[in-house]
Amino acid sequence: MEHKNPALVQEPRYEPAIVIPLKQEASLLDWLKANNRLIPREPVEPEKVKSDDDLDVLMDGEEDFEEDD
């Protein structure tokens, strides 16, 4: 008895498999926007660049380095 199921297809064992075609659907980002599931980020203030004075305080150690000749 032969069953007809289009999802089941017999392919030869030693032949390359048939490539399943790519569906042209919307991207995940488009889907999130379309379904109102995309949550906007909170605005983030950029960090202020520390001044050179702060760096000088950190590096205020002795600077007696021996030079290699």
PDB file of N, CA and C in Angstrom:
ATOM      1  N   MET A   1       0.853  -1.173   0.000  1.00  0.00           N
ATOM      2  CA  MET A   1       0.000   0.000   0.000  1.00  0.00           C
ATOM      3  C   MET A   1       0.900   1.238   0.000  1.00  0.00           C
ATOM      4  N   GLU A   2       0.633   2.130  -0.903  1.00  0.00           N
ATOM      5  CA  GLU A   2       1.448   3.340  -1.056  1.00  0.00           C
ATOM      6  C   GLU A   2       0.703   4.539  -0.489  1.00  0.00           C
ATOM      7  N   HIS A   3       1.396   5.265   0.426  1.00  0.00           N
ATOM      8  CA  HIS A   3       0.812   6.471   1.007  1.00  0.00           C
ATOM      9  C   HIS A   3       1.335   7.677   0.244  1.00  0.00           C
ATOM     10  N   LYS A   4       0.489   8.630   0.013  1.00  0.00           N
ATOM     11  CA  LYS A   4       0.903   9.842  -0.690  1.00  0.00           C
ATOM     12  C   LYS A   4       1.003  10.986   0.304  1.00  0.00           C
ATOM     13  N   ASN A   5       2.227  11.325   0.622  1.00  0.00           N
ATOM     14  CA  ASN A   5       2.496  12.432   1.533  1.00  0.00           C
ATOM     15  C   ASN A   5       3.538  13.309   0.848  1.00  0.00           C
ATOM     16  N   PRO A   6       3.171  14.538   0.451  1.00  0.00           N
ATOM     17  CA  PRO A   6       4.126  15.388  -0.274  1.00  0.00           C
ATOM     18  C   PRO A   6       5.326  15.812   0.571  1.00  0.00           C
ATOM     19  N   ALA A   7       5.230  15.685   1.893  1.00  0.00           N
ATOM     20  CA  ALA A   7       6.354  16.058   2.743  1.00  0.00           C
ATOM     21  C   ALA A   7       7.438  14.990   2.738  1.00  0.00           C
ATOM     22  N   LEU A   8       7.084  13.778   2.388  1.00  0.00           N
ATOM     23  CA  LEU A   8       8.038  12.675   2.354  1.00  0.00           C
ATOM     24  C   LEU A   8       8.421  12.384   0.913  1.00  0.00           C
ATOM     25  N   VAL A   9       9.691  12.584   0.611  1.00  0.00           N
ATOM     26  CA  VAL A   9      10.181  12.342  -0.730  1.00  0.00           C
ATOM     27  C   VAL A   9      11.416  11.475  -0.625  1.00  0.00           C
ATOM     28  N   GLN A  10      11.504  10.452  -1.445  1.00  0.00           N
ATOM     29  CA  GLN A  10      12.665   9.577  -1.427  1.00  0.00           C
ATOM     30  C   GLN A  10      13.698  10.102  -2.410  1.00  0.00           C
ATOM     31  N   GLU A  11      14.928  10.231  -1.915  1.00  0.00           N
ATOM     32  CA  GLU A  11      16.038  10.711  -2.739  1.00  0.00           C
ATOM     33  C   GLU A  11      17.076   9.595  -2.834  1.00  0.00           C
ATOM     34  N   PRO A  12      17.783   9.513  -3.952  1.00  0.00           N
ATOM     35  CA  PRO A  12      18.842   8.511  -4.045  1.00  0.00           C
ATOM     36  C   PRO A  12      19.933   8.765  -3.004  1.00  0.00           C
ATOM     37  N   ARG A  13      20.453   7.697  -2.415  1.00  0.00           N
ATOM     38  CA  ARG A  13      21.406   7.808  -1.318  1.00  0.00           C
ATOM     39  C   ARG A  13      22.695   8.516  -1.723  1.00  0.00           C
ATOM     40  N   TYR A  14      23.220   8.262  -2.867  1.00  0.00           N
ATOM     41  CA  TYR A  14      24.529   8.797  -3.250  1.00  0.00           C
ATOM     42  C   TYR A  14      24.443  10.032  -4.146  1.00  0.00           C
ATOM     43  N   GLU A  15      23.302  10.649  -4.207  1.00  0.00           N
ATOM     44  CA  GLU A  15      23.119  11.880  -4.977  1.00  0.00           C
ATOM     45  C   GLU A  15      23.088  13.064  -4.017  1.00  0.00           C
ATOM     46  N   PRO A  16      23.544  14.249  -4.459  1.00  0.00           N
ATOM     47  CA  PRO A  16      23.450  15.437  -3.591  1.00  0.00           C
ATOM     48  C   PRO A  16      21.985  15.759  -3.268  1.00  0.00           C
ATOM     49  N   ALA A  17      21.782  16.224  -2.065  1.00  0.00           N
ATOM     50  CA  ALA A  17      20.426  16.565  -1.631  1.00  0.00           C
ATOM     51  C   ALA A  17      19.930  17.812  -2.351  1.00  0.00           C
ATOM     52  N   ILE A  18      18.640  17.888  -2.528  1.00  0.00           N
ATOM     53  CA  ILE A  18      18.021  19.063  -3.137  1.00  0.00           C
ATOM     54  C   ILE A  18      17.997  20.179  -2.096  1.00  0.00           C
ATOM     55  N   VAL A  19      18.379  21.374  -2.496  1.00  0.00           N
ATOM     56  CA  VAL A  19      18.415  22.514  -1.589  1.00  0.00           C
ATOM     57  C   VAL A  19      17.007  23.072  -1.430  1.00  0.00           C
ATOM     58  N   ILE A  20      16.615  23.277  -0.188  1.00  0.00           N
ATOM     59  CA  ILE A  20      15.299  23.843   0.094  1.00  0.00           C
ATOM     60  C   ILE A  20      15.346  25.331  -0.219  1.00  0.00           C
ATOM     61  N   PRO A  21      14.414  25.842  -1.034  1.00  0.00           N
ATOM     62  CA  PRO A  21      14.452  27.267  -1.383  1.00  0.00           C
ATOM     63  C   PRO A  21      14.173  28.160  -0.171  1.00  0.00           C
ATOM     64  N   LEU A  22      14.854  29.291  -0.150  1.00  0.00           N
ATOM     65  CA  LEU A  22      14.701  30.243   0.935  1.00  0.00           C
ATOM     66  C   LEU A  22      13.385  31.002   0.773  1.00  0.00           C
ATOM     67  N   LYS A  23      12.633  31.086   1.856  1.00  0.00           N
ATOM     68  CA  LYS A  23      11.377  31.836   1.818  1.00  0.00           C
ATOM     69  C   LYS A  23      11.688  33.320   1.909  1.00  0.00           C
ATOM     70  N   GLN A  24      11.037  34.122   1.134  1.00  0.00           N
ATOM     71  CA  GLN A  24      11.244  35.568   1.142  1.00  0.00           C
ATOM     72  C   GLN A  24      10.277  36.207   2.141  1.00  0.00           C
ATOM     73  N   GLU A  25      10.575  35.971   3.409  1.00  0.00           N
ATOM     74  CA  GLU A  25       9.749  36.551   4.471  1.00  0.00           C
ATOM     75  C   GLU A  25      10.454  37.766   5.051  1.00  0.00           C
ATOM     76  N   ALA A  26       9.721  38.503   5.831  1.00  0.00           N
ATOM     77  CA  ALA A  26      10.284  39.686   6.472  1.00  0.00           C
ATOM     78  C   ALA A  26      11.324  39.258   7.512  1.00  0.00           C
ATOM     79  N   SER A  27      12.239  40.149   7.795  1.00  0.00           N
ATOM     80  CA  SER A  27      13.258  39.851   8.794  1.00  0.00           C
ATOM     81  C   SER A  27      12.631  39.878  10.186  1.00  0.00           C
ATOM     82  N   LEU A  28      13.380  39.394  11.143  1.00  0.00           N
ATOM     83  CA  LEU A  28      12.905  39.399  12.526  1.00  0.00           C
ATOM     84  C   LEU A  28      12.649  40.820  13.011  1.00  0.00           C
ATOM     85  N   LEU A  29      13.520  41.741  12.621  1.00  0.00           N
ATOM     86  CA  LEU A  29      13.349  43.130  13.022  1.00  0.00           C
ATOM     87  C   LEU A  29      12.057  43.706  12.433  1.00  0.00           C
ATOM     88  N   ASP A  30      11.784  43.405  11.170  1.00  0.00           N
ATOM     89  CA  ASP A  30      10.537  43.871  10.545  1.00  0.00           C
ATOM     90  C   ASP A  30       9.322  43.276  11.251  1.00  0.00           C
ATOM     91  N   TRP A  31       9.418  41.997  11.632  1.00  0.00           N
ATOM     92  CA  TRP A  31       8.301  41.349  12.319  1.00  0.00           C
ATOM     93  C   TRP A  31       8.054  42.006  13.674  1.00  0.00           C
ATOM     94  N   LEU A  32       9.130  42.314  14.411  1.00  0.00           N
ATOM     95  CA  LEU A  32       8.980  42.974  15.710  1.00  0.00           C
ATOM     96  C   LEU A  32       8.328  44.343  15.560  1.00  0.00           C
ATOM     97  N   LYS A  33       8.741  45.095  14.548  1.00  0.00           N
ATOM     98  CA  LYS A  33       8.140  46.411  14.317  1.00  0.00           C
ATOM     99  C   LYS A  33       6.675  46.281  13.936  1.00  0.00           C
ATOM    100  N   ALA A  34       6.350  45.336  13.062  1.00  0.00           N
ATOM    101  CA  ALA A  34       4.978  45.164  12.583  1.00  0.00           C
ATOM    102  C   ALA A  34       4.028  44.740  13.699  1.00  0.00           C
ATOM    103  N   ASN A  35       4.522  44.006  14.680  1.00  0.00           N
ATOM    104  CA  ASN A  35       3.679  43.525  15.773  1.00  0.00           C
ATOM    105  C   ASN A  35       3.824  44.353  17.041  1.00  0.00           C
ATOM    106  N   ASN A  36       4.418  45.543  16.902  1.00  0.00           N
ATOM    107  CA  ASN A  36       4.604  46.458  18.038  1.00  0.00           C
ATOM    108  C   ASN A  36       5.288  45.773  19.218  1.00  0.00           C
ATOM    109  N   ARG A  37       6.279  44.970  18.930  1.00  0.00           N
ATOM    110  CA  ARG A  37       7.018  44.274  19.981  1.00  0.00           C
ATOM    111  C   ARG A  37       8.449  44.790  20.107  1.00  0.00           C
ATOM    112  N   LEU A  38       8.794  45.778  19.326  1.00  0.00           N
ATOM    113  CA  LEU A  38      10.126  46.352  19.381  1.00  0.00           C
ATOM    114  C   LEU A  38      10.132  47.444  20.445  1.00  0.00           C
ATOM    115  N   ILE A  39      10.955  47.269  21.463  1.00  0.00           N
ATOM    116  CA  ILE A  39      11.006  48.216  22.575  1.00  0.00           C
ATOM    117  C   ILE A  39      12.156  49.192  22.312  1.00  0.00           C
ATOM    118  N   PRO A  40      11.863  50.484  22.249  1.00  0.00           N
ATOM    119  CA  PRO A  40      12.946  51.449  22.017  1.00  0.00           C
ATOM    120  C   PRO A  40      13.867  51.526  23.221  1.00  0.00           C
ATOM    121  N   ARG A  41      15.118  51.785  22.962  1.00  0.00           N
ATOM    122  CA  ARG A  41      16.092  51.920  24.033  1.00  0.00           C
ATOM    123  C   ARG A  41      15.925  53.270  24.716  1.00  0.00           C
ATOM    124  N   GLU A  42      16.279  53.270  25.998  1.00  0.00           N
ATOM    125  CA  GLU A  42      16.288  54.521  26.736  1.00  0.00           C
ATOM    126  C   GLU A  42      17.504  55.325  26.273  1.00  0.00           C
ATOM    127  N   PRO A  43      17.362  56.634  26.140  1.00  0.00           N
ATOM    128  CA  PRO A  43      18.525  57.425  25.735  1.00  0.00           C
ATOM    129  C   PRO A  43      19.619  57.351  26.801  1.00  0.00           C
ATOM    130  N   VAL A  44      20.837  57.182  26.352  1.00  0.00           N
ATOM    131  CA  VAL A  44      21.974  57.058  27.253  1.00  0.00           C
ATOM    132  C   VAL A  44      22.883  58.251  27.035  1.00  0.00           C
ATOM    133  N   GLU A  45      23.198  58.919  28.136  1.00  0.00           N
ATOM    134  CA  GLU A  45      24.101  60.057  28.031  1.00  0.00           C
ATOM    135  C   GLU A  45      25.531  59.546  27.928  1.00  0.00           C
ATOM    136  N   PRO A  46      26.300  60.098  27.006  1.00  0.00           N
ATOM    137  CA  PRO A  46      27.688  59.641  26.892  1.00  0.00           C
ATOM    138  C   PRO A  46      28.488  60.057  28.125  1.00  0.00           C
ATOM    139  N   GLU A  47      29.425  59.198  28.506  1.00  0.00           N
ATOM    140  CA  GLU A  47      30.250  59.512  29.669  1.00  0.00           C
ATOM    141  C   GLU A  47      31.193  60.654  29.319  1.00  0.00           C
ATOM    142  N   LYS A  48      31.426  61.499  30.300  1.00  0.00           N
ATOM    143  CA  LYS A  48      32.345  62.607  30.086  1.00  0.00           C
ATOM    144  C   LYS A  48      33.769  62.080  30.095  1.00  0.00           C
ATOM    145  N   VAL A  49      34.574  62.611  29.234  1.00  0.00           N
ATOM    146  CA  VAL A  49      35.973  62.223  29.179  1.00  0.00           C
ATOM    147  C   VAL A  49      36.682  62.856  30.356  1.00  0.00           C
ATOM    148  N   LYS A  50      37.413  62.021  31.092  1.00  0.00           N
ATOM    149  CA  LYS A  50      38.122  62.543  32.252  1.00  0.00           C
ATOM    150  C   LYS A  50      39.264  63.423  31.779  1.00  0.00           C
ATOM    151  N   SER A  51      39.531  64.417  32.549  1.00  0.00           N
ATOM    152  CA  SER A  51      40.586  65.359  32.174  1.00  0.00           C
ATOM    153  C   SER A  51      41.963  64.753  32.399  1.00  0.00           C
ATOM    154  N   ASP A  52      42.957  65.395  31.849  1.00  0.00           N
ATOM    155  CA  ASP A  52      44.334  64.937  32.028  1.00  0.00           C
ATOM    156  C   ASP A  52      44.772  65.039  33.481  1.00  0.00           C
ATOM    157  N   ASP A  53      44.135  65.929  34.254  1.00  0.00           N
ATOM    158  CA  ASP A  53      44.488  66.065  35.661  1.00  0.00           C
ATOM    159  C   ASP A  53      44.200  64.764  36.415  1.00  0.00           C
ATOM    160  N   ASP A  54      43.080  64.097  36.087  1.00  0.00           N
ATOM    161  CA  ASP A  54      42.755  62.835  36.732  1.00  0.00           C
ATOM    162  C   ASP A  54      43.803  61.782  36.400  1.00  0.00           C
ATOM    163  N   LEU A  55      44.273  61.783  35.172  1.00  0.00           N
ATOM    164  CA  LEU A  55      45.296  60.837  34.760  1.00  0.00           C
ATOM    165  C   LEU A  55      46.618  61.137  35.459  1.00  0.00           C
ATOM    166  N   ASP A  56      46.930  62.414  35.612  1.00  0.00           N
ATOM    167  CA  ASP A  56      48.162  62.804  36.303  1.00  0.00           C
ATOM    168  C   ASP A  56      48.146  62.342  37.756  1.00  0.00           C
ATOM    169  N   VAL A  57      46.993  62.402  38.414  1.00  0.00           N
ATOM    170  CA  VAL A  57      46.885  61.963  39.801  1.00  0.00           C
ATOM    171  C   VAL A  57      47.150  60.461  39.879  1.00  0.00           C
ATOM    172  N   LEU A  58      46.642  59.695  38.928  1.00  0.00           N
ATOM    173  CA  LEU A  58      46.860  58.260  38.930  1.00  0.00           C
ATOM    174  C   LEU A  58      48.318  57.905  38.676  1.00  0.00           C
ATOM    175  N   MET A  59      48.988  58.693  37.873  1.00  0.00           N
ATOM    176  CA  MET A  59      50.363  58.403  37.493  1.00  0.00           C
ATOM    177  C   MET A  59      51.368  59.194  38.330  1.00  0.00           C
ATOM    178  N   ASP A  60      50.968  59.671  39.484  1.00  0.00           N
ATOM    179  CA  ASP A  60      51.803  60.557  40.286  1.00  0.00           C
ATOM    180  C   ASP A  60      52.865  59.790  41.073  1.00  0.00           C
ATOM    181  N   GLY A  61      53.223  58.605  40.642  1.00  0.00           N
ATOM    182  CA  GLY A  61      54.259  57.835  41.325  1.00  0.00           C
ATOM    183  C   GLY A  61      55.628  58.323  40.900  1.00  0.00           C
ATOM    184  N   GLU A  62      56.609  57.695  41.476  1.00  0.00           N
ATOM    185  CA  GLU A  62      57.967  58.070  41.112  1.00  0.00           C
ATOM    186  C   GLU A  62      58.249  57.626  39.682  1.00  0.00           C
ATOM    187  N   GLU A  63      58.989  58.421  38.989  1.00  0.00           N
ATOM    188  CA  GLU A  63      59.278  58.130  37.599  1.00  0.00           C
ATOM    189  C   GLU A  63      60.741  57.805  37.393  1.00  0.00           C
ATOM    190  N   ASP A  64      61.339  57.102  38.340  1.00  0.00           N
ATOM    191  CA  ASP A  64      62.742  56.718  38.223  1.00  0.00           C
ATOM    192  C   ASP A  64      62.815  55.363  37.536  1.00  0.00           C
ATOM    193  N   PHE A  65      62.781  55.384  36.235  1.00  0.00           N
ATOM    194  CA  PHE A  65      62.884  54.156  35.467  1.00  0.00           C
ATOM    195  C   PHE A  65      64.309  53.983  34.987  1.00  0.00           C
ATOM    196  N   GLU A  66      64.790  52.758  35.064  1.00  0.00           N
ATOM    197  CA  GLU A  66      66.126  52.499  34.553  1.00  0.00           C
ATOM    198  C   GLU A  66      66.031  52.287  33.057  1.00  0.00           C
ATOM    199  N   GLU A  67      66.945  52.899  32.350  1.00  0.00           N
ATOM    200  CA  GLU A  67      66.940  52.758  30.896  1.00  0.00           C
ATOM    201  C   GLU A  67      67.809  51.590  30.511  1.00  0.00           C
ATOM    202  N   ASP A  68      67.344  50.794  29.595  1.00  0.00           N
ATOM    203  CA  ASP A  68      68.155  49.693  29.061  1.00  0.00           C
ATOM    204  C   ASP A  68      68.992  50.227  27.933  1.00  0.00           C
ATOM    205  N   ASP A  69      70.303  50.008  28.024  1.00  0.00           N
ATOM    206  CA  ASP A  69      71.198  50.465  26.953  1.00  0.00           C
ATOM    207  C   ASP A  69      71.573  49.321  26.056  1.00  0.00           C
TER     208      ASP A  69
END
